[in-house]
Full PDB file with SEQRES, HELIX, SHEET, SSBOND, CRYST1, ORIGX, SCALE, CONECT and MASTER records, all heavy atoms in Angstrom:
SEQRES   1 A   34  ASP PHE LEU GLU HIS TYR PHE LYS PRO GLN LYS PRO VAL          
SEQRES   2 A   34  VAL ILE GLU ARG ALA ILE GLU ASN TRP PRO ALA PHE ASP          
SEQRES   3 A   34  LYS TRP ASN LEU ASP TYR ILE LYS                              
HELIX    1 AA1 PHE A    2  PHE A    2  1                                   1    
HELIX    2 AA2 LEU A    3  PHE A    7  3                                   5    
HELIX    3 AA3 PRO A   23  LYS A   27  1                                   5    
HELIX    4 AA4 LEU A   30  ILE A   33  1                                   4    
CRYST1    1.000    1.000    1.000  90.00  90.00  90.00 P 1           1          
ORIGX1      1.000000  0.000000  0.000000        0.00000                         
ORIGX2      0.000000  1.000000  0.000000        0.00000                         
ORIGX3      0.000000  0.000000  1.000000        0.00000                         
SCALE1      1.000000  0.000000  0.000000        0.00000                         
SCALE2      0.000000  1.000000  0.000000        0.00000                         
SCALE3      0.000000  0.000000  1.000000        0.00000                         
ATOM      1  N   ASP A   1      -6.140  19.802  39.457  1.00  0.00           N  
ATOM      2  CA  ASP A   1      -6.420  20.495  40.710  1.00  0.00           C  
ATOM      3  C   ASP A   1      -6.411  19.547  41.908  1.00  0.00           C  
ATOM      4  O   ASP A   1      -5.916  19.865  43.011  1.00  0.00           O  
ATOM      5  CB  ASP A   1      -7.733  21.238  40.631  1.00  0.00           C  
ATOM      6  CG  ASP A   1      -7.662  22.483  39.854  1.00  0.00           C  
ATOM      7  OD1 ASP A   1      -6.546  23.016  39.604  1.00  0.00           O  
ATOM      8  OD2 ASP A   1      -8.716  23.051  39.491  1.00  0.00           O  
ATOM      9  N   PHE A   2      -6.976  18.327  41.682  1.00  0.00           N  
ATOM     10  CA  PHE A   2      -6.919  17.358  42.762  1.00  0.00           C  
ATOM     11  C   PHE A   2      -5.515  17.008  43.154  1.00  0.00           C  
ATOM     12  O   PHE A   2      -5.147  17.004  44.363  1.00  0.00           O  
ATOM     13  CB  PHE A   2      -7.669  16.069  42.367  1.00  0.00           C  
ATOM     14  CG  PHE A   2      -7.473  14.927  43.340  1.00  0.00           C  
ATOM     15  CD1 PHE A   2      -8.116  14.917  44.575  1.00  0.00           C  
ATOM     16  CD2 PHE A   2      -6.563  13.930  43.066  1.00  0.00           C  
ATOM     17  CE1 PHE A   2      -7.886  13.933  45.463  1.00  0.00           C  
ATOM     18  CE2 PHE A   2      -6.310  12.920  43.956  1.00  0.00           C  
ATOM     19  CZ  PHE A   2      -7.002  12.901  45.176  1.00  0.00           C  
ATOM     20  N   LEU A   3      -4.674  16.714  42.184  1.00  0.00           N  
ATOM     21  CA  LEU A   3      -3.281  16.365  42.476  1.00  0.00           C  
ATOM     22  C   LEU A   3      -2.525  17.489  43.170  1.00  0.00           C  
ATOM     23  O   LEU A   3      -1.788  17.278  44.116  1.00  0.00           O  
ATOM     24  CB  LEU A   3      -2.569  15.966  41.205  1.00  0.00           C  
ATOM     25  CG  LEU A   3      -3.043  14.656  40.546  1.00  0.00           C  
ATOM     26  CD1 LEU A   3      -2.350  14.488  39.195  1.00  0.00           C  
ATOM     27  CD2 LEU A   3      -2.748  13.474  41.445  1.00  0.00           C  
ATOM     28  N   GLU A   4      -2.744  18.710  42.698  1.00  0.00           N  
ATOM     29  CA  GLU A   4      -2.006  19.880  43.226  1.00  0.00           C  
ATOM     30  C   GLU A   4      -2.500  20.284  44.608  1.00  0.00           C  
ATOM     31  O   GLU A   4      -1.656  20.589  45.502  1.00  0.00           O  
ATOM     32  CB  GLU A   4      -2.187  21.059  42.282  1.00  0.00           C  
ATOM     33  CG  GLU A   4      -1.410  22.312  42.687  1.00  0.00           C  
ATOM     34  CD  GLU A   4       0.092  22.119  42.615  1.00  0.00           C  
ATOM     35  OE1 GLU A   4       0.549  21.256  41.811  1.00  0.00           O  
ATOM     36  OE2 GLU A   4       0.781  22.810  43.363  1.00  0.00           O  
ATOM     37  N   HIS A   5      -3.814  20.306  44.836  1.00  0.00           N  
ATOM     38  CA  HIS A   5      -4.330  20.891  46.055  1.00  0.00           C  
ATOM     39  C   HIS A   5      -4.623  19.884  47.176  1.00  0.00           C  
ATOM     40  O   HIS A   5      -4.732  20.250  48.381  1.00  0.00           O  
ATOM     41  CB  HIS A   5      -5.571  21.728  45.772  1.00  0.00           C  
ATOM     42  CG  HIS A   5      -5.297  22.867  44.857  1.00  0.00           C  
ATOM     43  ND1 HIS A   5      -4.511  23.940  45.207  1.00  0.00           N  
ATOM     44  CD2 HIS A   5      -5.754  23.108  43.596  1.00  0.00           C  
ATOM     45  CE1 HIS A   5      -4.447  24.791  44.207  1.00  0.00           C  
ATOM     46  NE2 HIS A   5      -5.186  24.312  43.211  1.00  0.00           N  
ATOM     47  N   TYR A   6      -4.750  18.576  46.835  1.00  0.00           N  
ATOM     48  CA  TYR A   6      -5.137  17.589  47.826  1.00  0.00           C  
ATOM     49  C   TYR A   6      -4.230  16.379  47.893  1.00  0.00           C  
ATOM     50  O   TYR A   6      -3.740  16.021  48.947  1.00  0.00           O  
ATOM     51  CB  TYR A   6      -6.584  17.138  47.598  1.00  0.00           C  
ATOM     52  CG  TYR A   6      -7.527  18.352  47.686  1.00  0.00           C  
ATOM     53  CD1 TYR A   6      -8.063  18.904  46.548  1.00  0.00           C  
ATOM     54  CD2 TYR A   6      -7.813  18.882  48.932  1.00  0.00           C  
ATOM     55  CE1 TYR A   6      -8.910  20.019  46.623  1.00  0.00           C  
ATOM     56  CE2 TYR A   6      -8.649  20.008  49.034  1.00  0.00           C  
ATOM     57  CZ  TYR A   6      -9.187  20.564  47.864  1.00  0.00           C  
ATOM     58  OH  TYR A   6      -9.998  21.666  48.012  1.00  0.00           O  
ATOM     59  N   PHE A   7      -3.888  15.771  46.728  1.00  0.00           N  
ATOM     60  CA  PHE A   7      -2.976  14.657  46.795  1.00  0.00           C  
ATOM     61  C   PHE A   7      -1.586  14.997  47.205  1.00  0.00           C  
ATOM     62  O   PHE A   7      -1.028  14.397  48.174  1.00  0.00           O  
ATOM     63  CB  PHE A   7      -2.944  13.873  45.479  1.00  0.00           C  
ATOM     64  CG  PHE A   7      -1.900  12.830  45.447  1.00  0.00           C  
ATOM     65  CD1 PHE A   7      -2.060  11.620  46.200  1.00  0.00           C  
ATOM     66  CD2 PHE A   7      -0.762  12.934  44.651  1.00  0.00           C  
ATOM     67  CE1 PHE A   7      -1.072  10.660  46.181  1.00  0.00           C  
ATOM     68  CE2 PHE A   7       0.202  11.977  44.666  1.00  0.00           C  
ATOM     69  CZ  PHE A   7       0.056  10.833  45.447  1.00  0.00           C  
ATOM     70  N   LYS A   8      -0.954  15.942  46.574  1.00  0.00           N  
ATOM     71  CA  LYS A   8       0.418  16.318  46.907  1.00  0.00           C  
ATOM     72  C   LYS A   8       0.588  16.754  48.335  1.00  0.00           C  
ATOM     73  O   LYS A   8       1.506  16.291  49.062  1.00  0.00           O  
ATOM     74  CB  LYS A   8       0.966  17.354  45.920  1.00  0.00           C  
ATOM     75  CG  LYS A   8       1.212  16.820  44.535  1.00  0.00           C  
ATOM     76  CD  LYS A   8       1.747  17.935  43.634  1.00  0.00           C  
ATOM     77  CE  LYS A   8       2.042  17.389  42.213  1.00  0.00           C  
ATOM     78  NZ  LYS A   8       2.554  18.430  41.257  1.00  0.00           N  
ATOM     79  N   PRO A   9      -0.281  17.655  48.869  1.00  0.00           N  
ATOM     80  CA  PRO A   9      -0.179  18.024  50.280  1.00  0.00           C  
ATOM     81  C   PRO A   9      -0.791  17.023  51.236  1.00  0.00           C  
ATOM     82  O   PRO A   9      -0.808  17.275  52.416  1.00  0.00           O  
ATOM     83  CB  PRO A   9      -0.887  19.388  50.347  1.00  0.00           C  
ATOM     84  CG  PRO A   9      -1.845  19.333  49.214  1.00  0.00           C  
ATOM     85  CD  PRO A   9      -1.233  18.522  48.123  1.00  0.00           C  
ATOM     86  N   GLN A  10      -1.437  15.962  50.693  1.00  0.00           N  
ATOM     87  CA  GLN A  10      -2.030  14.956  51.481  1.00  0.00           C  
ATOM     88  C   GLN A  10      -3.117  15.510  52.425  1.00  0.00           C  
ATOM     89  O   GLN A  10      -3.061  15.389  53.625  1.00  0.00           O  
ATOM     90  CB  GLN A  10      -1.018  14.125  52.313  1.00  0.00           C  
ATOM     91  CG  GLN A  10      -0.137  13.197  51.421  1.00  0.00           C  
ATOM     92  CD  GLN A  10      -0.909  11.951  50.932  1.00  0.00           C  
ATOM     93  OE1 GLN A  10      -1.058  10.992  51.629  1.00  0.00           O  
ATOM     94  NE2 GLN A  10      -1.453  12.023  49.691  1.00  0.00           N  
ATOM     95  N   LYS A  11      -4.122  16.152  51.797  1.00  0.00           N  
ATOM     96  CA  LYS A  11      -5.240  16.739  52.521  1.00  0.00           C  
ATOM     97  C   LYS A  11      -6.518  16.124  52.035  1.00  0.00           C  
ATOM     98  O   LYS A  11      -6.671  15.891  50.877  1.00  0.00           O  
ATOM     99  CB  LYS A  11      -5.243  18.221  52.315  1.00  0.00           C  
ATOM    100  CG  LYS A  11      -4.071  18.941  52.929  1.00  0.00           C  
ATOM    101  CD  LYS A  11      -4.190  20.485  52.670  1.00  0.00           C  
ATOM    102  CE  LYS A  11      -3.019  21.224  53.325  1.00  0.00           C  
ATOM    103  NZ  LYS A  11      -3.116  22.742  53.096  1.00  0.00           N  
ATOM    104  N   PRO A  12      -7.447  15.858  52.946  1.00  0.00           N  
ATOM    105  CA  PRO A  12      -8.749  15.276  52.572  1.00  0.00           C  
ATOM    106  C   PRO A  12      -9.638  16.297  51.809  1.00  0.00           C  
ATOM    107  O   PRO A  12      -9.477  17.490  52.015  1.00  0.00           O  
ATOM    108  CB  PRO A  12      -9.388  14.826  53.864  1.00  0.00           C  
ATOM    109  CG  PRO A  12      -8.807  15.790  54.860  1.00  0.00           C  
ATOM    110  CD  PRO A  12      -7.417  16.095  54.400  1.00  0.00           C  
ATOM    111  N   VAL A  13     -10.569  15.777  51.041  1.00  0.00           N  
ATOM    112  CA  VAL A  13     -11.531  16.606  50.334  1.00  0.00           C  
ATOM    113  C   VAL A  13     -12.802  15.805  50.092  1.00  0.00           C  
ATOM    114  O   VAL A  13     -12.722  14.542  49.873  1.00  0.00           O  
ATOM    115  CB  VAL A  13     -10.979  17.209  49.039  1.00  0.00           C  
ATOM    116  CG1 VAL A  13     -10.637  16.086  48.026  1.00  0.00           C  
ATOM    117  CG2 VAL A  13     -11.909  18.272  48.427  1.00  0.00           C  
ATOM    118  N   VAL A  14     -13.970  16.432  50.059  1.00  0.00           N  
ATOM    119  CA  VAL A  14     -15.245  15.820  49.658  1.00  0.00           C  
ATOM    120  C   VAL A  14     -15.575  16.345  48.281  1.00  0.00           C  
ATOM    121  O   VAL A  14     -15.591  17.610  48.069  1.00  0.00           O  
ATOM    122  CB  VAL A  14     -16.331  16.119  50.617  1.00  0.00           C  
ATOM    123  CG1 VAL A  14     -17.675  15.589  50.052  1.00  0.00           C  
ATOM    124  CG2 VAL A  14     -16.077  15.487  51.988  1.00  0.00           C  
ATOM    125  N   ILE A  15     -15.797  15.475  47.300  1.00  0.00           N  
ATOM    126  CA  ILE A  15     -16.202  15.862  45.954  1.00  0.00           C  
ATOM    127  C   ILE A  15     -17.659  15.521  45.839  1.00  0.00           C  
ATOM    128  O   ILE A  15     -18.084  14.348  45.914  1.00  0.00           O  
ATOM    129  CB  ILE A  15     -15.425  15.145  44.871  1.00  0.00           C  
ATOM    130  CG1 ILE A  15     -13.925  15.285  45.166  1.00  0.00           C  
ATOM    131  CG2 ILE A  15     -15.705  15.696  43.509  1.00  0.00           C  
ATOM    132  CD1 ILE A  15     -13.000  14.397  44.318  1.00  0.00           C  
ATOM    133  N   GLU A  16     -18.502  16.541  45.652  1.00  0.00           N  
ATOM    134  CA  GLU A  16     -19.947  16.371  45.813  1.00  0.00           C  
ATOM    135  C   GLU A  16     -20.641  15.777  44.577  1.00  0.00           C  
ATOM    136  O   GLU A  16     -21.642  15.093  44.687  1.00  0.00           O  
ATOM    137  CB  GLU A  16     -20.612  17.735  46.151  1.00  0.00           C  
ATOM    138  CG  GLU A  16     -20.154  18.274  47.506  1.00  0.00           C  
ATOM    139  CD  GLU A  16     -20.674  19.614  47.818  1.00  0.00           C  
ATOM    140  OE1 GLU A  16     -21.019  20.354  46.867  1.00  0.00           O  
ATOM    141  OE2 GLU A  16     -20.728  19.961  48.988  1.00  0.00           O  
ATOM    142  N   ARG A  17     -20.114  16.076  43.358  1.00  0.00           N  
ATOM    143  CA  ARG A  17     -20.874  15.674  42.185  1.00  0.00           C  
ATOM    144  C   ARG A  17     -19.982  14.933  41.178  1.00  0.00           C  
ATOM    145  O   ARG A  17     -20.049  15.086  39.984  1.00  0.00           O  
ATOM    146  CB  ARG A  17     -21.458  16.919  41.532  1.00  0.00           C  
ATOM    147  CG  ARG A  17     -22.353  17.732  42.429  1.00  0.00           C  
ATOM    148  CD  ARG A  17     -22.977  18.887  41.754  1.00  0.00           C  
ATOM    149  NE  ARG A  17     -23.896  18.443  40.702  1.00  0.00           N  
ATOM    150  CZ  ARG A  17     -24.615  19.222  39.887  1.00  0.00           C  
ATOM    151  NH1 ARG A  17     -24.522  20.566  40.063  1.00  0.00           N  
ATOM    152  NH2 ARG A  17     -25.419  18.764  38.963  1.00  0.00           N  
ATOM    153  N   ALA A  18     -19.172  14.019  41.696  1.00  0.00           N  
ATOM    154  CA  ALA A  18     -18.182  13.336  40.868  1.00  0.00           C  
ATOM    155  C   ALA A  18     -18.749  12.124  40.087  1.00  0.00           C  
ATOM    156  O   ALA A  18     -18.214  11.699  39.132  1.00  0.00           O  
ATOM    157  CB  ALA A  18     -16.983  12.883  41.712  1.00  0.00           C  
ATOM    158  N   ILE A  19     -19.936  11.613  40.615  1.00  0.00           N  
ATOM    159  CA  ILE A  19     -20.381  10.321  40.014  1.00  0.00           C  
ATOM    160  C   ILE A  19     -21.843  10.415  39.537  1.00  0.00           C  
ATOM    161  O   ILE A  19     -22.523   9.381  39.408  1.00  0.00           O  
ATOM    162  CB  ILE A  19     -20.244   9.217  41.026  1.00  0.00           C  
ATOM    163  CG1 ILE A  19     -21.149   9.414  42.285  1.00  0.00           C  
ATOM    164  CG2 ILE A  19     -18.818   9.017  41.445  1.00  0.00           C  
ATOM    165  CD1 ILE A  19     -21.268   8.218  43.176  1.00  0.00           C  
ATOM    166  N   GLU A  20     -22.326  11.616  39.255  1.00  0.00           N  
ATOM    167  CA  GLU A  20     -23.699  11.745  38.792  1.00  0.00           C  
ATOM    168  C   GLU A  20     -23.942  11.093  37.437  1.00  0.00           C  
ATOM    169  O   GLU A  20     -25.102  10.867  37.063  1.00  0.00           O  
ATOM    170  CB  GLU A  20     -24.103  13.216  38.797  1.00  0.00           C  
ATOM    171  CG  GLU A  20     -24.232  13.753  40.216  1.00  0.00           C  
ATOM    172  CD  GLU A  20     -24.736  15.168  40.217  1.00  0.00           C  
ATOM    173  OE1 GLU A  20     -24.980  15.738  39.132  1.00  0.00           O  
ATOM    174  OE2 GLU A  20     -24.977  15.712  41.339  1.00  0.00           O  
ATOM    175  N   ASN A  21     -22.868  10.806  36.663  1.00  0.00           N  
ATOM    176  CA  ASN A  21     -23.024  10.077  35.412  1.00  0.00           C  
ATOM    177  C   ASN A  21     -22.973   8.573  35.550  1.00  0.00           C  
ATOM    178  O   ASN A  21     -23.107   7.859  34.565  1.00  0.00           O  
ATOM    179  CB  ASN A  21     -21.904  10.531  34.429  1.00  0.00           C  
ATOM    180  CG  ASN A  21     -20.502  10.222  34.944  1.00  0.00           C  
ATOM    181  OD1 ASN A  21     -20.273  10.153  36.142  1.00  0.00           O  
ATOM    182  ND2 ASN A  21     -19.583   9.968  34.006  1.00  0.00           N  
ATOM    183  N   TRP A  22     -22.716   8.050  36.755  1.00  0.00           N  
ATOM    184  CA  TRP A  22     -22.707   6.619  36.976  1.00  0.00           C  
ATOM    185  C   TRP A  22     -24.173   6.118  37.014  1.00  0.00           C  
ATOM    186  O   TRP A  22     -25.055   6.734  37.636  1.00  0.00           O  
ATOM    187  CB  TRP A  22     -22.074   6.283  38.323  1.00  0.00           C  
ATOM    188  CG  TRP A  22     -20.595   6.377  38.388  1.00  0.00           C  
ATOM    189  CD1 TRP A  22     -19.727   6.915  37.508  1.00  0.00           C  
ATOM    190  CD2 TRP A  22     -19.815   5.962  39.527  1.00  0.00           C  
ATOM    191  NE1 TRP A  22     -18.436   6.844  38.005  1.00  0.00           N  
ATOM    192  CE2 TRP A  22     -18.470   6.223  39.190  1.00  0.00           C  
ATOM    193  CE3 TRP A  22     -20.115   5.363  40.727  1.00  0.00           C  
ATOM    194  CZ2 TRP A  22     -17.398   5.943  40.056  1.00  0.00           C  
ATOM    195  CZ3 TRP A  22     -19.043   5.075  41.582  1.00  0.00           C  
ATOM    196  CH2 TRP A  22     -17.715   5.367  41.274  1.00  0.00           C  
ATOM    197  N   PRO A  23     -24.450   4.953  36.477  1.00  0.00           N  
ATOM    198  CA  PRO A  23     -25.744   4.339  36.741  1.00  0.00           C  
ATOM    199  C   PRO A  23     -26.003   4.095  38.203  1.00  0.00           C  
ATOM    200  O   PRO A  23     -27.149   4.195  38.639  1.00  0.00           O  
ATOM    201  CB  PRO A  23     -25.620   2.990  35.957  1.00  0.00           C  
ATOM    202  CG  PRO A  23     -24.676   3.223  34.862  1.00  0.00           C  
ATOM    203  CD  PRO A  23     -23.678   4.217  35.417  1.00  0.00           C  
ATOM    204  N   ALA A  24     -24.889   3.879  38.960  1.00  0.00           N  
ATOM    205  CA  ALA A  24     -25.078   3.643  40.403  1.00  0.00           C  
ATOM    206  C   ALA A  24     -25.706   4.810  41.134  1.00  0.00           C  
ATOM    207  O   ALA A  24     -26.364   4.669  42.134  1.00  0.00           O  
ATOM    208  CB  ALA A  24     -23.733   3.315  41.036  1.00  0.00           C  
ATOM    209  N   PHE A  25     -25.453   6.039  40.575  1.00  0.00           N  
ATOM    210  CA  PHE A  25     -25.996   7.238  41.248  1.00  0.00           C  
ATOM    211  C   PHE A  25     -27.504   7.137  41.390  1.00  0.00           C  
ATOM    212  O   PHE A  25     -28.069   7.513  42.446  1.00  0.00           O  
ATOM    213  CB  PHE A  25     -25.583   8.489  40.492  1.00  0.00           C  
ATOM    214  CG  PHE A  25     -26.036   9.743  41.155  1.00  0.00           C  
ATOM    215  CD1 PHE A  25     -25.330  10.289  42.211  1.00  0.00           C  
ATOM    216  CD2 PHE A  25     -27.151  10.461  40.674  1.00  0.00           C  
ATOM    217  CE1 PHE A  25     -25.749  11.441  42.851  1.00  0.00           C  
ATOM    218  CE2 PHE A  25     -27.562  11.616  41.291  1.00  0.00           C  
ATOM    219  CZ  PHE A  25     -26.873  12.129  42.353  1.00  0.00           C  
ATOM    220  N   ASP A  26     -28.177   6.667  40.364  1.00  0.00           N  
ATOM    221  CA  ASP A  26     -29.634   6.535  40.447  1.00  0.00           C  
ATOM    222  C   ASP A  26     -30.094   5.159  40.932  1.00  0.00           C  
ATOM    223  O   ASP A  26     -31.191   5.040  41.542  1.00  0.00           O  
ATOM    224  CB  ASP A  26     -30.223   6.758  39.053  1.00  0.00           C  
ATOM    225  CG  ASP A  26     -30.015   8.174  38.532  1.00  0.00           C  
ATOM    226  OD1 ASP A  26     -30.189   9.137  39.283  1.00  0.00           O  
ATOM    227  OD2 ASP A  26     -29.613   8.334  37.338  1.00  0.00           O  
ATOM    228  N   LYS A  27     -29.335   4.133  40.682  1.00  0.00           N  
ATOM    229  CA  LYS A  27     -29.770   2.775  41.009  1.00  0.00           C  
ATOM    230  C   LYS A  27     -29.419   2.294  42.394  1.00  0.00           C  
ATOM    231  O   LYS A  27     -30.178   1.495  42.990  1.00  0.00           O  
ATOM    232  CB  LYS A  27     -29.189   1.797  40.003  1.00  0.00           C  
ATOM    233  CG  LYS A  27     -29.635   1.995  38.558  1.00  0.00           C  
ATOM    234  CD  LYS A  27     -28.779   1.180  37.565  1.00  0.00           C  
ATOM    235  CE  LYS A  27     -28.840  -0.307  37.752  1.00  0.00           C  
ATOM    236  NZ  LYS A  27     -28.083  -1.012  36.717  1.00  0.00           N  
ATOM    237  N   TRP A  28     -28.263   2.683  42.924  1.00  0.00           N  
ATOM    238  CA  TRP A  28     -27.776   2.053  44.128  1.00  0.00           C  
ATOM    239  C   TRP A  28     -28.469   2.576  45.365  1.00  0.00           C  
ATOM    240  O   TRP A  28     -28.352   3.723  45.760  1.00  0.00           O  
ATOM    241  CB  TRP A  28     -26.273   2.263  44.273  1.00  0.00           C  
ATOM    242  CG  TRP A  28     -25.464   1.328  43.398  1.00  0.00           C  
ATOM    243  CD1 TRP A  28     -25.942   0.653  42.276  1.00  0.00           C  
ATOM    244  CD2 TRP A  28     -24.068   0.947  43.559  1.00  0.00           C  
ATOM    245  NE1 TRP A  28     -24.937  -0.107  41.768  1.00  0.00           N  
ATOM    246  CE2 TRP A  28     -23.794   0.068  42.464  1.00  0.00           C  
ATOM    247  CE3 TRP A  28     -23.105   1.325  44.485  1.00  0.00           C  
ATOM    248  CZ2 TRP A  28     -22.512  -0.460  42.358  1.00  0.00           C  
ATOM    249  CZ3 TRP A  28     -21.791   0.758  44.318  1.00  0.00           C  
ATOM    250  CH2 TRP A  28     -21.542  -0.104  43.304  1.00  0.00           C  
ATOM    251  N   ASN A  29     -29.329   1.692  45.919  1.00  0.00           N  
ATOM    252  CA  ASN A  29     -29.910   1.891  47.252  1.00  0.00           C  
ATOM    253  C   ASN A  29     -30.085   0.527  47.888  1.00  0.00           C  
ATOM    254  O   ASN A  29     -29.768  -0.488  47.244  1.00  0.00           O  
ATOM    255  CB  ASN A  29     -31.230   2.677  47.146  1.00  0.00           C  
ATOM    256  CG  ASN A  29     -32.197   2.055  46.163  1.00  0.00           C  
ATOM    257  OD1 ASN A  29     -32.398   0.797  46.192  1.00  0.00           O  
ATOM    258  ND2 ASN A  29     -32.887   2.813  45.387  1.00  0.00           N  
ATOM    259  N   LEU A  30     -30.562   0.479  49.106  1.00  0.00           N  
ATOM    260  CA  LEU A  30     -30.670  -0.795  49.816  1.00  0.00           C  
ATOM    261  C   LEU A  30     -31.651  -1.742  49.104  1.00  0.00           C  
ATOM    262  O   LEU A  30     -31.437  -2.955  49.085  1.00  0.00           O  
ATOM    263  CB  LEU A  30     -31.061  -0.544  51.279  1.00  0.00           C  
ATOM    264  CG  LEU A  30     -30.039   0.115  52.115  1.00  0.00           C  
ATOM    265  CD1 LEU A  30     -30.599   0.478  53.472  1.00  0.00           C  
ATOM    266  CD2 LEU A  30     -28.793  -0.793  52.297  1.00  0.00           C  
ATOM    267  N   ASP A  31     -32.723  -1.182  48.560  1.00  0.00           N  
ATOM    268  CA  ASP A  31     -33.704  -2.072  47.849  1.00  0.00           C  
ATOM    269  C   ASP A  31     -33.040  -2.761  46.634  1.00  0.00           C  
ATOM    270  O   ASP A  31     -33.288  -3.933  46.356  1.00  0.00           O  
ATOM    271  CB  ASP A  31     -34.928  -1.286  47.411  1.00  0.00           C  
ATOM    272  CG  ASP A  31     -35.781  -0.880  48.573  1.00  0.00           C  
ATOM    273  OD1 ASP A  31     -35.769  -1.608  49.616  1.00  0.00           O  
ATOM    274  OD2 ASP A  31     -36.473   0.138  48.491  1.00  0.00           O  
ATOM    275  N   TYR A  32     -32.241  -2.004  45.932  1.00  0.00           N  
ATOM    276  CA  TYR A  32     -31.538  -2.528  44.718  1.00  0.00           C  
ATOM    277  C   TYR A  32     -30.573  -3.651  45.162  1.00  0.00           C  
ATOM    278  O   TYR A  32     -30.514  -4.724  44.503  1.00  0.00           O  
ATOM    279  CB  TYR A  32     -30.822  -1.436  43.979  1.00  0.00           C  
ATOM    280  CG  TYR A  32     -30.070  -1.873  42.788  1.00  0.00           C  
ATOM    281  CD1 TYR A  32     -30.746  -2.436  41.679  1.00  0.00           C  
ATOM    282  CD2 TYR A  32     -28.681  -1.820  42.694  1.00  0.00           C  
ATOM    283  CE1 TYR A  32     -30.071  -2.820  40.521  1.00  0.00           C  
ATOM    284  CE2 TYR A  32     -27.994  -2.190  41.549  1.00  0.00           C  
ATOM    285  CZ  TYR A  32     -28.651  -2.677  40.449  1.00  0.00           C  
ATOM    286  OH  TYR A  32     -27.997  -3.098  39.378  1.00  0.00           O  
ATOM    287  N   ILE A  33     -29.819  -3.398  46.190  1.00  0.00           N  
ATOM    288  CA  ILE A  33     -28.890  -4.425  46.711  1.00  0.00           C  
ATOM    289  C   ILE A  33     -29.593  -5.648  47.146  1.00  0.00           C  
ATOM    290  O   ILE A  33     -29.187  -6.806  46.863  1.00  0.00           O  
ATOM    291  CB  ILE A  33     -28.021  -3.840  47.846  1.00  0.00           C  
ATOM    292  CG1 ILE A  33     -27.136  -2.643  47.391  1.00  0.00           C  
ATOM    293  CG2 ILE A  33     -27.166  -4.901  48.471  1.00  0.00           C  
ATOM    294  CD1 ILE A  33     -26.131  -3.036  46.315  1.00  0.00           C  
ATOM    295  N   LYS A  34     -30.741  -5.482  47.800  1.00  0.00           N  
ATOM    296  CA  LYS A  34     -31.565  -6.645  48.227  1.00  0.00           C  
ATOM    297  C   LYS A  34     -32.016  -7.411  47.019  1.00  0.00           C  
ATOM    298  O   LYS A  34     -32.042  -8.659  46.966  1.00  0.00           O  
ATOM    299  CB  LYS A  34     -32.754  -6.132  49.047  1.00  0.00           C  
ATOM    300  CG  LYS A  34     -33.644  -7.301  49.508  1.00  0.00           C  
ATOM    301  CD  LYS A  34     -34.760  -6.694  50.385  1.00  0.00           C  
ATOM    302  CE  LYS A  34     -35.782  -7.828  50.773  1.00  0.00           C  
ATOM    303  NZ  LYS A  34     -36.879  -7.259  51.591  1.00  0.00           N  
TER     304      LYS A  34                                                      
MASTER        0    0    0    4    0    0    0    6  303    1    0    3          
END                                                                             
């Protein structure tokens, strides 16, 4: 669907829940970077 509806026509999109399985989703904040 991404390729058909956004990449091929070159249109932007926001994907809201694409990385909830990443450790970064819970870990990455400014305190962690510090």
